[in-house]
């Protein structure tokens, strides 16, 4: 199975996600968007882009 890459969401959000072990969209689904919203560096725009990418 090919991993779906994260969308372009900005460096602070990418760093925050990586620190939480979220490296691709499958990890986002595993962890859940609700948890990611609590991470410092992951703002509303990043959440919007991640949610849109999951809906594709």
N, C-alpha and C. Protein backbone atom coordinates (compact mmCIF):
# COMPACT_ATOMS: atom_id res chain seq x y z
N UNK A 1 0.85 -1.18 0.00
CA UNK A 1 0.00 0.00 0.00
C UNK A 1 0.89 1.24 0.00
N UNK A 2 0.59 2.18 -0.89
CA UNK A 2 1.35 3.41 -0.96
C UNK A 2 0.86 4.38 0.11
N UNK A 3 1.81 5.01 0.78
CA UNK A 3 1.45 6.02 1.76
C UNK A 3 1.06 7.29 1.04
N UNK A 4 -0.01 7.93 1.51
CA UNK A 4 -0.43 9.20 0.93
C UNK A 4 0.31 10.32 1.66
N UNK A 5 1.05 11.15 0.91
CA UNK A 5 1.84 12.20 1.55
C UNK A 5 0.96 13.30 2.14
N UNK A 6 1.53 14.02 3.08
CA UNK A 6 0.84 15.17 3.64
C UNK A 6 0.78 16.28 2.61
N UNK A 7 -0.28 17.09 2.63
CA UNK A 7 -0.33 18.24 1.73
C UNK A 7 0.67 19.30 2.19
N UNK A 8 0.88 20.30 1.40
CA UNK A 8 1.76 21.42 1.74
C UNK A 8 1.05 22.29 2.77
N UNK A 9 1.43 22.14 4.05
CA UNK A 9 0.72 22.83 5.13
C UNK A 9 1.60 23.78 5.93
N UNK A 10 2.84 23.94 5.53
CA UNK A 10 3.72 24.87 6.23
C UNK A 10 4.66 24.16 7.18
N UNK A 11 5.83 24.74 7.31
CA UNK A 11 6.90 24.11 8.11
C UNK A 11 6.55 23.91 9.58
N UNK A 12 5.97 24.90 10.28
CA UNK A 12 5.66 24.66 11.70
C UNK A 12 4.70 23.48 11.90
N UNK A 13 3.70 23.38 11.04
CA UNK A 13 2.75 22.27 11.17
C UNK A 13 3.42 20.94 10.85
N UNK A 14 4.26 20.92 9.81
CA UNK A 14 4.97 19.69 9.45
C UNK A 14 5.85 19.23 10.61
N UNK A 15 6.56 20.18 11.23
CA UNK A 15 7.42 19.82 12.38
C UNK A 15 6.60 19.28 13.55
N UNK A 16 5.46 19.93 13.83
CA UNK A 16 4.61 19.48 14.93
C UNK A 16 4.06 18.08 14.66
N UNK A 17 3.64 17.85 13.43
CA UNK A 17 3.12 16.53 13.07
C UNK A 17 4.21 15.47 13.16
N UNK A 18 5.39 15.79 12.66
CA UNK A 18 6.50 14.83 12.71
C UNK A 18 6.85 14.48 14.16
N UNK A 19 6.84 15.49 15.02
CA UNK A 19 7.15 15.24 16.44
C UNK A 19 6.10 14.32 17.07
N UNK A 20 4.88 14.37 16.55
CA UNK A 20 3.80 13.50 17.05
C UNK A 20 3.76 12.16 16.33
N UNK A 21 4.70 11.93 15.41
CA UNK A 21 4.74 10.66 14.69
C UNK A 21 3.80 10.60 13.51
N UNK A 22 3.33 11.75 13.05
CA UNK A 22 2.41 11.82 11.91
C UNK A 22 3.20 12.23 10.68
N UNK A 23 3.42 11.28 9.77
CA UNK A 23 4.27 11.52 8.62
C UNK A 23 3.54 11.45 7.29
N UNK A 24 2.28 10.98 7.31
CA UNK A 24 1.50 10.87 6.08
C UNK A 24 0.01 10.90 6.43
N UNK A 25 -0.84 10.90 5.41
CA UNK A 25 -2.28 11.00 5.65
C UNK A 25 -2.84 9.78 6.39
N UNK A 26 -2.22 8.63 6.20
CA UNK A 26 -2.68 7.45 6.94
C UNK A 26 -2.44 7.64 8.44
N UNK A 27 -1.33 8.29 8.79
CA UNK A 27 -1.07 8.61 10.20
C UNK A 27 -2.10 9.61 10.73
N UNK A 28 -2.49 10.57 9.89
CA UNK A 28 -3.51 11.55 10.29
C UNK A 28 -4.80 10.81 10.62
N UNK A 29 -5.20 9.86 9.78
CA UNK A 29 -6.41 9.09 10.05
C UNK A 29 -6.27 8.27 11.33
N UNK A 30 -5.10 7.72 11.55
CA UNK A 30 -4.87 6.88 12.74
C UNK A 30 -4.97 7.72 14.02
N UNK A 31 -4.33 8.88 14.02
CA UNK A 31 -4.29 9.73 15.21
C UNK A 31 -5.58 10.53 15.39
N UNK A 32 -6.12 11.00 14.29
CA UNK A 32 -7.35 11.78 14.33
C UNK A 32 -7.09 13.28 14.30
N UNK A 33 -7.90 13.96 13.52
CA UNK A 33 -7.76 15.41 13.36
C UNK A 33 -8.00 16.12 14.69
N UNK A 34 -8.90 15.62 15.49
CA UNK A 34 -9.21 16.26 16.78
C UNK A 34 -7.96 16.36 17.65
N UNK A 35 -7.15 15.32 17.68
CA UNK A 35 -5.91 15.36 18.46
C UNK A 35 -4.92 16.33 17.83
N UNK A 36 -4.84 16.35 16.52
CA UNK A 36 -3.87 17.22 15.85
C UNK A 36 -4.17 18.69 16.10
N UNK A 37 -5.43 19.03 16.28
CA UNK A 37 -5.80 20.41 16.57
C UNK A 37 -5.18 20.91 17.87
N UNK A 38 -4.81 20.00 18.76
CA UNK A 38 -4.25 20.39 20.05
C UNK A 38 -2.75 20.65 19.99
N UNK A 39 -2.11 20.32 18.88
CA UNK A 39 -0.66 20.45 18.77
C UNK A 39 -0.26 21.89 18.48
N UNK A 40 0.74 22.37 19.19
CA UNK A 40 1.29 23.70 18.94
C UNK A 40 1.93 23.70 17.56
N UNK A 41 1.54 24.65 16.73
CA UNK A 41 2.08 24.74 15.38
C UNK A 41 1.11 24.26 14.32
N UNK A 42 0.05 23.59 14.75
CA UNK A 42 -0.97 23.11 13.81
C UNK A 42 -2.19 24.01 13.96
N UNK A 43 -2.32 24.95 13.03
CA UNK A 43 -3.41 25.92 13.11
C UNK A 43 -4.60 25.53 12.27
N UNK A 44 -5.60 26.41 12.25
CA UNK A 44 -6.84 26.13 11.50
C UNK A 44 -6.61 25.89 10.01
N UNK A 45 -5.70 26.62 9.41
CA UNK A 45 -5.43 26.44 7.97
C UNK A 45 -4.86 25.04 7.72
N UNK A 46 -3.93 24.60 8.55
CA UNK A 46 -3.35 23.26 8.39
C UNK A 46 -4.43 22.20 8.57
N UNK A 47 -5.30 22.37 9.55
CA UNK A 47 -6.39 21.41 9.78
C UNK A 47 -7.31 21.37 8.57
N UNK A 48 -7.62 22.54 8.01
CA UNK A 48 -8.47 22.61 6.83
C UNK A 48 -7.84 21.86 5.66
N UNK A 49 -6.54 22.07 5.44
CA UNK A 49 -5.85 21.40 4.34
C UNK A 49 -5.76 19.89 4.56
N UNK A 50 -5.51 19.48 5.79
CA UNK A 50 -5.46 18.04 6.09
C UNK A 50 -6.82 17.40 5.89
N UNK A 51 -7.86 18.05 6.36
CA UNK A 51 -9.21 17.51 6.20
C UNK A 51 -9.58 17.39 4.73
N UNK A 52 -9.25 18.42 3.94
CA UNK A 52 -9.53 18.38 2.51
C UNK A 52 -8.77 17.24 1.83
N UNK A 53 -7.52 17.04 2.23
CA UNK A 53 -6.71 15.97 1.65
C UNK A 53 -7.28 14.60 2.00
N UNK A 54 -7.80 14.47 3.20
CA UNK A 54 -8.41 13.19 3.60
C UNK A 54 -9.68 12.91 2.80
N UNK A 55 -10.39 13.96 2.41
CA UNK A 55 -11.64 13.81 1.66
C UNK A 55 -11.43 13.45 0.19
N UNK A 56 -10.20 13.60 -0.29
CA UNK A 56 -9.91 13.32 -1.71
C UNK A 56 -9.94 11.83 -1.99
